[in-house]
Amino acid sequence: MIKSVGHVMGHRIGKIKICFVIHSLHTGGMERVMSELAKQFSMKENIELHLVLYGRSRTIFYDIPKNVTLHKPGWSFRDDMRLIFTLRTLIWLRRTVSSIKPDTILSLGEYWNSFVLLALKGKDVPIYVSDRCRPDLDLGQPHEWLRKWLYPNASGIISQTQKAKDIYTKKFNHPNIRVIPNPIHEVKQIEKSVKKEDIILSVGRLIETKHHDRLIRIFDRVKKDNWKLVIVGGDAIQQNCMKQLKELIYERDLKDRVELTGNVSDVEKYYLKSKIFAFTSSSEGYPNVIGEAMSAGLPVIAYDCVAGPSEMVEDTITGYLVDTFDDQRFTDRLSELMESEILRNKMGEKAKTKIQKLSENQIADQFFSFILP
């Protein structure tokens, strides 16, 4: 195993060099976590922070602090020469990290951590990795084989939930796994108070595992004409869900009651003017959007998938957890929230209080102390 950073730090003079490594900074929970960590780490004294962006897409959706040094390839990835450009990226990543000479490295991404560990194999630097997906998800071969081979070489593994830690302990037999939940961005009221509307909000990429189609059908069954469903998020991983959802909305004559916003930069506005947060995802690691909704004082109703929602939402206290795909139960619970302002406010206030322990600075400190023991 790569030696502990504590061994390095004892002989370090000058600024501590930290290197964050990620394949994408486009929209997504993992990308948002990395950007939040970059923001928090960049405010610490005696830290020199580098962020290496090595994936095919170099679009940057989230703000990165100006004092963070960004590294990305100076050439475009060519899919028609995928093998050659994958090898080129591997070499570029190794050379770039070598030139930085970091004291410690943090890599995010279940499909990409193995790539980072492979690129840096043999380098005398601690590497900490964190998967961001459903912990029992089978990534298929060769990904599973690569993880079992390479993850033991990591200095530490960060899991988002205790359930994930239990699964990873059996799978990777690694002695240094730490549970650190995601930092939750606090949604604060803006200067001019945003007026609440009869809106059910859902936030997330338009991908099949989010099951926005089921949410639309559930909303349609409730039959409360004064309410509106707003889904914030854009198409991802080439599944073309936006088109399919628009067709469903048209078929059910819901164009005046269901809004698809696409990607937005001002998502806080939607949290603040909504009254309920609904989440029908069946595959999660640790959904940031649930935490953000709770910080805005919204009661949450969500599928109780393998990991994630149950570690944030306390059933009947801060919202409702519903067995995955039990859409009749989801409909009934959603209807209860829509009908009772007292219930919504009670759950929303408790949700806001509970989520405060996951503030960005507190969670960033946990990451910091783990990768720099």
Protein backbone atom coordinates (compact mmCIF):
# COMPACT_ATOMS: atom_id res chain seq x y z
CA MET A 1 0.00 0.00 0.00
CA ILE A 2 1.15 3.56 -0.73
CA LYS A 3 2.61 5.11 2.38
CA SER A 4 0.59 7.36 4.63
CA VAL A 5 0.73 11.08 4.02
CA GLY A 6 1.56 11.57 7.68
CA HIS A 7 4.99 10.12 6.93
CA VAL A 8 5.44 12.73 4.20
CA MET A 9 4.03 15.65 6.17
CA GLY A 10 6.52 15.23 8.97
CA HIS A 11 9.30 16.31 6.59
CA ARG A 12 7.33 18.88 4.58
CA ILE A 13 8.49 22.50 4.54
CA GLY A 14 6.36 25.25 3.00
CA LYS A 15 2.86 24.97 1.59
CA ILE A 16 1.00 21.68 1.55
CA LYS A 17 0.22 20.65 -2.02
CA ILE A 18 -3.14 18.92 -2.47
CA CYS A 19 -4.27 17.54 -5.81
CA PHE A 20 -7.93 16.91 -6.64
CA VAL A 21 -8.47 14.63 -9.64
CA ILE A 22 -11.77 14.25 -11.50
CA HIS A 23 -12.88 13.36 -15.03
CA SER A 24 -15.68 15.93 -15.28
CA LEU A 25 -16.84 19.24 -13.85
CA HIS A 26 -20.12 19.28 -15.74
CA THR A 27 -23.50 19.06 -13.97
CA GLY A 28 -23.85 16.26 -11.45
CA GLY A 29 -23.64 15.42 -7.76
CA MET A 30 -20.04 14.19 -7.85
CA GLU A 31 -18.92 17.29 -9.71
CA ARG A 32 -20.74 19.53 -7.28
CA VAL A 33 -19.06 17.83 -4.32
CA MET A 34 -15.64 18.35 -5.88
CA SER A 35 -16.35 22.03 -6.53
CA GLU A 36 -17.58 22.53 -2.95
CA LEU A 37 -14.50 20.81 -1.54
CA ALA A 38 -12.28 22.95 -3.77
CA LYS A 39 -13.99 26.06 -2.43
CA GLN A 40 -13.55 25.03 1.20
CA PHE A 41 -9.95 23.77 0.84
CA SER A 42 -8.93 26.91 -1.05
CA MET A 43 -9.83 29.01 1.99
CA LYS A 44 -7.45 27.11 4.27
CA GLU A 45 -4.08 28.61 5.14
CA ASN A 46 -0.82 27.14 3.89
CA ILE A 47 -2.55 25.09 1.17
CA GLU A 48 -1.67 25.02 -2.51
CA LEU A 49 -4.59 23.36 -4.29
CA HIS A 50 -4.44 21.84 -7.77
CA LEU A 51 -7.43 20.45 -9.68
CA VAL A 52 -6.75 18.04 -12.56
CA LEU A 53 -9.58 17.65 -15.09
CA TYR A 54 -8.76 14.81 -17.46
CA GLY A 55 -12.02 13.51 -19.00
CA ARG A 56 -13.25 13.83 -22.56
CA SER A 57 -15.44 16.83 -21.75
CA ARG A 58 -13.64 19.81 -20.18
CA THR A 59 -16.76 21.94 -19.76
CA ILE A 60 -16.79 23.54 -16.31
CA PHE A 61 -20.31 24.12 -14.95
CA TYR A 62 -19.48 24.83 -11.29
CA ASP A 63 -17.42 27.76 -10.06
CA ILE A 64 -13.82 26.98 -9.17
CA PRO A 65 -11.97 29.47 -6.92
CA LYS A 66 -9.38 31.59 -8.71
CA ASN A 67 -6.60 30.50 -6.37
CA VAL A 68 -7.04 26.85 -7.42
CA THR A 69 -4.64 25.85 -10.21
CA LEU A 70 -6.59 24.04 -12.93
CA HIS A 71 -4.89 21.50 -15.19
CA LYS A 72 -6.51 19.97 -18.27
CA PRO A 73 -5.19 18.45 -21.52
CA GLY A 74 -4.44 20.87 -24.33
CA TRP A 75 -5.94 18.54 -26.91
CA SER A 76 -9.40 17.13 -27.60
CA PHE A 77 -10.27 13.49 -27.01
CA ARG A 78 -11.09 11.62 -30.23
CA ASP A 79 -13.66 8.83 -29.93
CA ASP A 80 -12.67 7.41 -33.31
CA MET A 81 -9.22 6.70 -31.82
CA ARG A 82 -10.44 5.85 -28.33
CA LEU A 83 -7.69 3.40 -27.32
CA ILE A 84 -4.89 5.71 -28.44
CA PHE A 85 -6.38 8.75 -26.73
CA THR A 86 -7.13 6.78 -23.56
CA LEU A 87 -3.45 5.82 -23.36
CA ARG A 88 -2.51 9.41 -24.14
CA THR A 89 -4.71 10.60 -21.27
CA LEU A 90 -3.15 8.02 -18.95
CA ILE A 91 0.34 9.30 -19.75
CA TRP A 92 -0.74 12.95 -19.53
CA LEU A 93 -2.30 12.36 -16.10
CA ARG A 94 0.85 10.70 -14.76
CA ARG A 95 3.12 13.47 -16.09
CA THR A 96 0.84 16.23 -14.83
CA VAL A 97 0.64 14.86 -11.30
CA SER A 98 4.41 14.25 -11.33
CA SER A 99 4.99 17.91 -12.22
CA ILE A 100 2.71 19.07 -9.39
CA LYS A 101 4.49 16.89 -6.79
CA PRO A 102 1.48 16.80 -4.46
CA ASP A 103 1.56 15.67 -0.85
CA THR A 104 -1.78 13.91 -1.23
CA ILE A 105 -4.37 13.18 -3.94
CA LEU A 106 -8.16 12.89 -3.82
CA SER A 107 -9.98 11.16 -6.70
CA LEU A 108 -13.76 10.92 -7.16
CA GLY A 109 -15.68 8.59 -9.46
CA GLU A 110 -16.41 4.87 -9.36
CA TYR A 111 -15.60 4.35 -13.05
CA TRP A 112 -12.54 6.61 -12.89
CA ASN A 113 -10.71 5.90 -9.65
CA SER A 114 -9.16 2.78 -11.17
CA PHE A 115 -7.93 4.87 -14.10
CA VAL A 116 -6.24 7.28 -11.68
CA LEU A 117 -4.70 4.48 -9.59
CA LEU A 118 -3.43 2.81 -12.76
CA ALA A 119 -1.98 6.05 -14.17
CA LEU A 120 -0.15 6.75 -10.91
CA LYS A 121 0.85 3.19 -10.03
CA GLY A 122 4.29 3.14 -8.45
CA LYS A 123 4.25 6.86 -7.61
CA ASP A 124 5.28 7.64 -4.05
CA VAL A 125 2.23 9.71 -3.14
CA PRO A 126 -0.90 8.88 -1.09
CA ILE A 127 -4.07 8.50 -3.15
CA TYR A 128 -7.53 8.59 -1.59
CA VAL A 129 -10.51 7.47 -3.65
CA SER A 130 -14.26 7.74 -3.28
CA ASP A 131 -17.01 6.04 -5.25
CA ARG A 132 -20.15 8.13 -5.66
CA CYS A 133 -22.64 5.51 -6.88
CA ARG A 134 -25.01 3.00 -5.32
CA PRO A 135 -22.58 0.84 -3.31
CA ASP A 136 -23.88 -2.53 -4.52
CA LEU A 137 -23.88 -1.50 -8.18
CA ASP A 138 -22.15 -4.01 -10.47
CA LEU A 139 -20.01 -1.92 -12.81
CA GLY A 140 -19.34 -4.90 -15.03
CA GLN A 141 -16.07 -6.25 -16.28
CA PRO A 142 -13.36 -5.09 -16.54
CA HIS A 143 -14.28 -2.35 -14.02
CA GLU A 144 -14.96 -4.73 -11.15
CA TRP A 145 -11.73 -6.62 -11.78
CA LEU A 146 -9.74 -3.37 -11.94
CA ARG A 147 -11.24 -2.12 -8.68
CA LYS A 148 -10.42 -5.35 -6.84
CA TRP A 149 -6.86 -5.18 -8.16
CA LEU A 150 -6.18 -1.46 -7.73
CA TYR A 151 -8.25 -0.26 -4.75
CA PRO A 152 -6.01 -2.05 -2.20
CA ASN A 153 -3.22 0.27 -3.44
CA ALA A 154 -5.15 3.35 -2.34
CA SER A 155 -4.14 4.93 0.97
CA GLY A 156 -7.78 5.21 1.92
CA ILE A 157 -11.33 4.84 0.65
CA ILE A 158 -14.10 7.33 1.43
CA SER A 159 -17.64 5.94 1.49
CA GLN A 160 -20.70 8.14 1.64
CA THR A 161 -22.75 5.94 3.97
CA GLN A 162 -22.29 3.18 6.56
CA LYS A 163 -24.07 0.81 4.17
CA ALA A 164 -21.45 1.60 1.54
CA LYS A 165 -18.63 1.04 4.02
CA ASP A 166 -20.00 -2.39 4.95
CA ILE A 167 -20.17 -3.40 1.28
CA TYR A 168 -16.72 -2.02 0.40
CA THR A 169 -15.10 -3.66 3.43
CA LYS A 170 -16.18 -7.06 2.15
CA LYS A 171 -15.44 -6.29 -1.48
CA PHE A 172 -12.01 -4.67 -1.19
CA ASN A 173 -10.77 -5.90 2.20
CA HIS A 174 -9.24 -2.46 2.78
CA PRO A 175 -8.18 -1.47 6.33
CA ASN A 176 -8.73 2.28 5.92
CA ILE A 177 -12.31 3.10 4.92
CA ARG A 178 -13.94 6.21 6.35
CA VAL A 179 -17.60 7.24 6.14
CA ILE A 180 -17.86 10.89 5.12
CA PRO A 181 -21.21 12.13 3.77
CA ASN A 182 -21.46 14.80 1.11
CA PRO A 183 -21.10 18.47 2.00
CA ILE A 184 -24.52 20.05 1.69
CA HIS A 185 -24.78 23.51 0.23
CA GLU A 186 -27.06 25.56 2.45
CA VAL A 187 -29.92 27.12 0.53
CA LYS A 188 -30.45 30.56 2.02
CA GLN A 189 -33.23 33.06 1.54
CA ILE A 190 -32.17 35.83 -0.83
CA GLU A 191 -32.57 39.52 -0.04
CA LYS A 192 -36.07 39.85 -1.41
CA SER A 193 -38.15 37.07 0.06
CA VAL A 194 -39.20 34.48 -2.50
CA LYS A 195 -42.91 33.74 -2.30
CA LYS A 196 -43.84 30.09 -1.81
CA GLU A 197 -45.99 28.53 -4.51
CA ASP A 198 -47.88 25.25 -4.77
CA ILE A 199 -44.90 23.51 -6.35
CA ILE A 200 -43.57 19.99 -6.00
CA LEU A 201 -39.90 20.09 -6.93
CA SER A 202 -37.54 17.41 -8.16
CA VAL A 203 -33.90 18.07 -9.04
CA GLY A 204 -31.58 15.71 -10.88
CA ARG A 205 -30.11 14.73 -14.22
CA LEU A 206 -32.66 13.37 -16.67
CA ILE A 207 -31.52 9.75 -16.65
CA GLU A 208 -33.53 6.54 -16.47
CA THR A 209 -32.63 5.66 -12.87
CA LYS A 210 -34.18 8.92 -11.63
CA HIS A 211 -37.57 7.69 -12.93
CA HIS A 212 -39.00 11.13 -13.62
CA ASP A 213 -41.61 9.42 -15.79
CA ARG A 214 -42.96 7.61 -12.73
CA LEU A 215 -43.02 10.88 -10.79
CA ILE A 216 -45.04 12.55 -13.55
CA ARG A 217 -47.56 9.69 -13.49
CA ILE A 218 -47.76 9.84 -9.68
CA PHE A 219 -48.35 13.59 -9.81
CA ASP A 220 -51.06 13.12 -12.43
CA ARG A 221 -52.87 10.61 -10.21
CA VAL A 222 -53.08 13.02 -7.28
CA LYS A 223 -55.43 15.29 -9.28
CA LYS A 224 -54.87 18.59 -7.52
CA ASP A 225 -55.13 21.17 -10.27
CA ASN A 226 -53.74 24.09 -8.28
CA TRP A 227 -50.36 22.33 -7.85
CA LYS A 228 -47.47 22.22 -10.29
CA LEU A 229 -44.58 19.76 -10.70
CA VAL A 230 -41.21 21.29 -11.61
CA ILE A 231 -38.31 19.03 -12.66
CA VAL A 232 -34.91 20.74 -12.73
CA GLY A 233 -32.17 19.00 -14.71
CA GLY A 234 -30.92 18.34 -18.21
CA ASP A 235 -30.27 15.32 -20.39
CA ALA A 236 -27.26 13.18 -19.50
CA ILE A 237 -25.39 10.07 -20.68
CA GLN A 238 -27.14 10.20 -24.06
CA GLN A 239 -30.42 8.70 -22.87
CA ASN A 240 -32.55 11.44 -24.47
CA CYS A 241 -34.95 11.47 -21.52
CA MET A 242 -36.04 15.08 -22.09
CA LYS A 243 -37.79 14.12 -25.33
CA GLN A 244 -39.47 11.11 -23.72
CA LEU A 245 -40.69 13.14 -20.75
CA LYS A 246 -42.07 15.86 -23.02
CA GLU A 247 -44.00 13.22 -24.96
CA LEU A 248 -45.42 11.83 -21.70
CA ILE A 249 -46.46 15.31 -20.58
CA TYR A 250 -48.17 15.89 -23.92
CA GLU A 251 -49.95 12.51 -23.83
CA ARG A 252 -51.36 13.23 -20.38
CA ASP A 253 -52.23 16.85 -21.18
CA LEU A 254 -50.00 18.17 -18.39
CA LYS A 255 -48.17 20.90 -20.27
CA ASP A 256 -49.64 23.59 -17.98
CA ARG A 257 -48.90 21.64 -14.78
CA VAL A 258 -45.49 20.03 -15.34
CA GLU A 259 -42.39 22.07 -16.15
CA LEU A 260 -39.04 20.73 -17.37
CA THR A 261 -36.48 23.49 -16.83
CA GLY A 262 -33.37 21.80 -18.24
CA ASN A 263 -30.04 22.71 -16.64
CA VAL A 264 -30.17 25.92 -14.59
CA SER A 265 -27.57 27.88 -12.65
CA ASP A 266 -30.07 29.37 -10.17
CA VAL A 267 -31.53 26.17 -8.70
CA GLU A 268 -31.75 27.81 -5.25
CA LYS A 269 -34.67 29.88 -6.51
CA TYR A 270 -36.65 26.70 -7.14
CA TYR A 271 -35.94 25.28 -3.68
CA LEU A 272 -37.08 28.52 -2.07
CA LYS A 273 -40.39 28.86 -3.91
CA SER A 274 -41.40 25.18 -3.69
CA LYS A 275 -43.31 23.47 -0.88
CA ILE A 276 -42.41 19.78 -1.32
CA PHE A 277 -39.39 17.90 -2.65
CA ALA A 278 -40.09 14.59 -4.44
CA PHE A 279 -37.37 12.11 -5.42
CA THR A 280 -37.99 8.89 -7.35
CA SER A 281 -34.42 7.76 -7.92
CA SER A 282 -33.74 4.04 -7.49
CA SER A 283 -29.92 4.24 -7.53
CA GLU A 284 -28.02 6.67 -5.32
CA GLY A 285 -24.81 7.08 -3.40
CA TYR A 286 -25.65 10.18 -1.36
CA PRO A 287 -28.05 12.57 -3.10
CA ASN A 288 -26.96 16.17 -2.57
CA VAL A 289 -30.29 17.47 -3.80
CA ILE A 290 -32.16 15.90 -0.89
CA GLY A 291 -29.84 17.68 1.53
CA GLU A 292 -30.23 20.98 -0.28
CA ALA A 293 -34.02 20.62 -0.23
CA MET A 294 -33.91 19.92 3.50
CA SER A 295 -31.68 22.94 4.10
CA ALA A 296 -34.34 25.03 2.36
CA GLY A 297 -36.94 23.72 4.81
CA LEU A 298 -38.71 21.35 2.44
CA PRO A 299 -40.25 18.04 3.52
CA VAL A 300 -38.87 15.24 1.34
CA ILE A 301 -40.65 12.21 -0.08
CA ALA A 302 -38.31 9.69 -1.67
CA TYR A 303 -37.87 6.10 -2.72
CA ASP A 304 -36.00 4.22 0.01
CA CYS A 305 -33.33 2.88 -2.36
CA VAL A 306 -30.30 0.86 -1.20
CA ALA A 307 -28.28 3.78 0.14
CA GLY A 308 -28.59 7.53 0.49
CA PRO A 309 -32.11 8.79 1.25
CA SER A 310 -32.51 6.76 4.46
CA GLU A 311 -29.35 8.35 5.92
CA MET A 312 -30.83 11.81 5.38
CA VAL A 313 -34.62 11.55 5.59
CA GLU A 314 -36.18 10.39 8.86
CA ASP A 315 -39.45 8.73 7.89
CA THR A 316 -42.55 10.55 9.20
CA ILE A 317 -40.29 13.14 10.91
CA THR A 318 -38.55 15.09 8.13
CA GLY A 319 -40.50 13.54 5.27
CA TYR A 320 -41.47 10.14 3.94
CA LEU A 321 -39.49 7.14 2.72
CA VAL A 322 -41.38 4.86 0.36
CA ASP A 323 -40.38 1.40 -0.80
CA THR A 324 -38.83 1.66 -4.25
CA PHE A 325 -41.50 1.56 -6.99
CA ASP A 326 -44.41 1.46 -4.51
CA ASP A 327 -46.06 4.23 -6.46
CA GLN A 328 -49.47 3.90 -4.79
CA ARG A 329 -47.86 4.53 -1.41
CA PHE A 330 -45.86 7.40 -2.91
CA THR A 331 -49.10 8.88 -4.29
CA ASP A 332 -50.83 8.62 -0.92
CA ARG A 333 -47.94 10.21 0.99
CA LEU A 334 -47.54 12.98 -1.56
CA SER A 335 -51.24 13.73 -1.33
CA GLU A 336 -50.97 14.01 2.48
CA LEU A 337 -48.23 16.60 2.16
CA MET A 338 -50.09 18.57 -0.48
CA GLU A 339 -53.21 18.71 1.68
CA SER A 340 -51.59 19.79 4.97
CA GLU A 341 -49.62 23.01 5.32
CA ILE A 342 -49.15 22.27 9.03
CA LEU A 343 -47.55 18.89 8.24
CA ARG A 344 -45.31 20.40 5.55
CA ASN A 345 -44.07 23.17 7.84
CA LYS A 346 -43.47 20.80 10.77
CA MET A 347 -41.45 18.35 8.68
CA GLY A 348 -39.65 21.13 6.83
CA GLU A 349 -38.42 22.79 10.03
CA LYS A 350 -37.13 19.49 11.42
CA ALA A 351 -35.44 18.74 8.08
CA LYS A 352 -33.67 22.11 8.13
CA THR A 353 -32.36 21.50 11.66
CA LYS A 354 -31.19 17.95 10.97
CA ILE A 355 -29.21 18.76 7.84
CA GLN A 356 -27.11 21.49 9.49
CA LYS A 357 -24.56 18.89 10.67
CA LEU A 358 -23.66 18.31 7.00
CA SER A 359 -22.58 21.88 6.34
CA GLU A 360 -19.90 22.39 3.70
CA ASN A 361 -17.16 23.49 6.10
CA GLN A 362 -17.75 20.65 8.57
CA ILE A 363 -17.67 17.95 5.89
CA ALA A 364 -14.68 19.56 4.15
CA ASP A 365 -12.83 19.38 7.46
CA GLN A 366 -13.56 15.65 7.64
CA PHE A 367 -12.12 15.16 4.15
CA PHE A 368 -9.13 17.30 5.07
CA SER A 369 -8.29 15.38 8.23
CA PHE A 370 -8.64 12.04 6.43
CA ILE A 371 -6.41 12.76 3.44
CA LEU A 372 -3.93 14.71 5.58
CA PRO A 373 -3.73 12.71 8.83
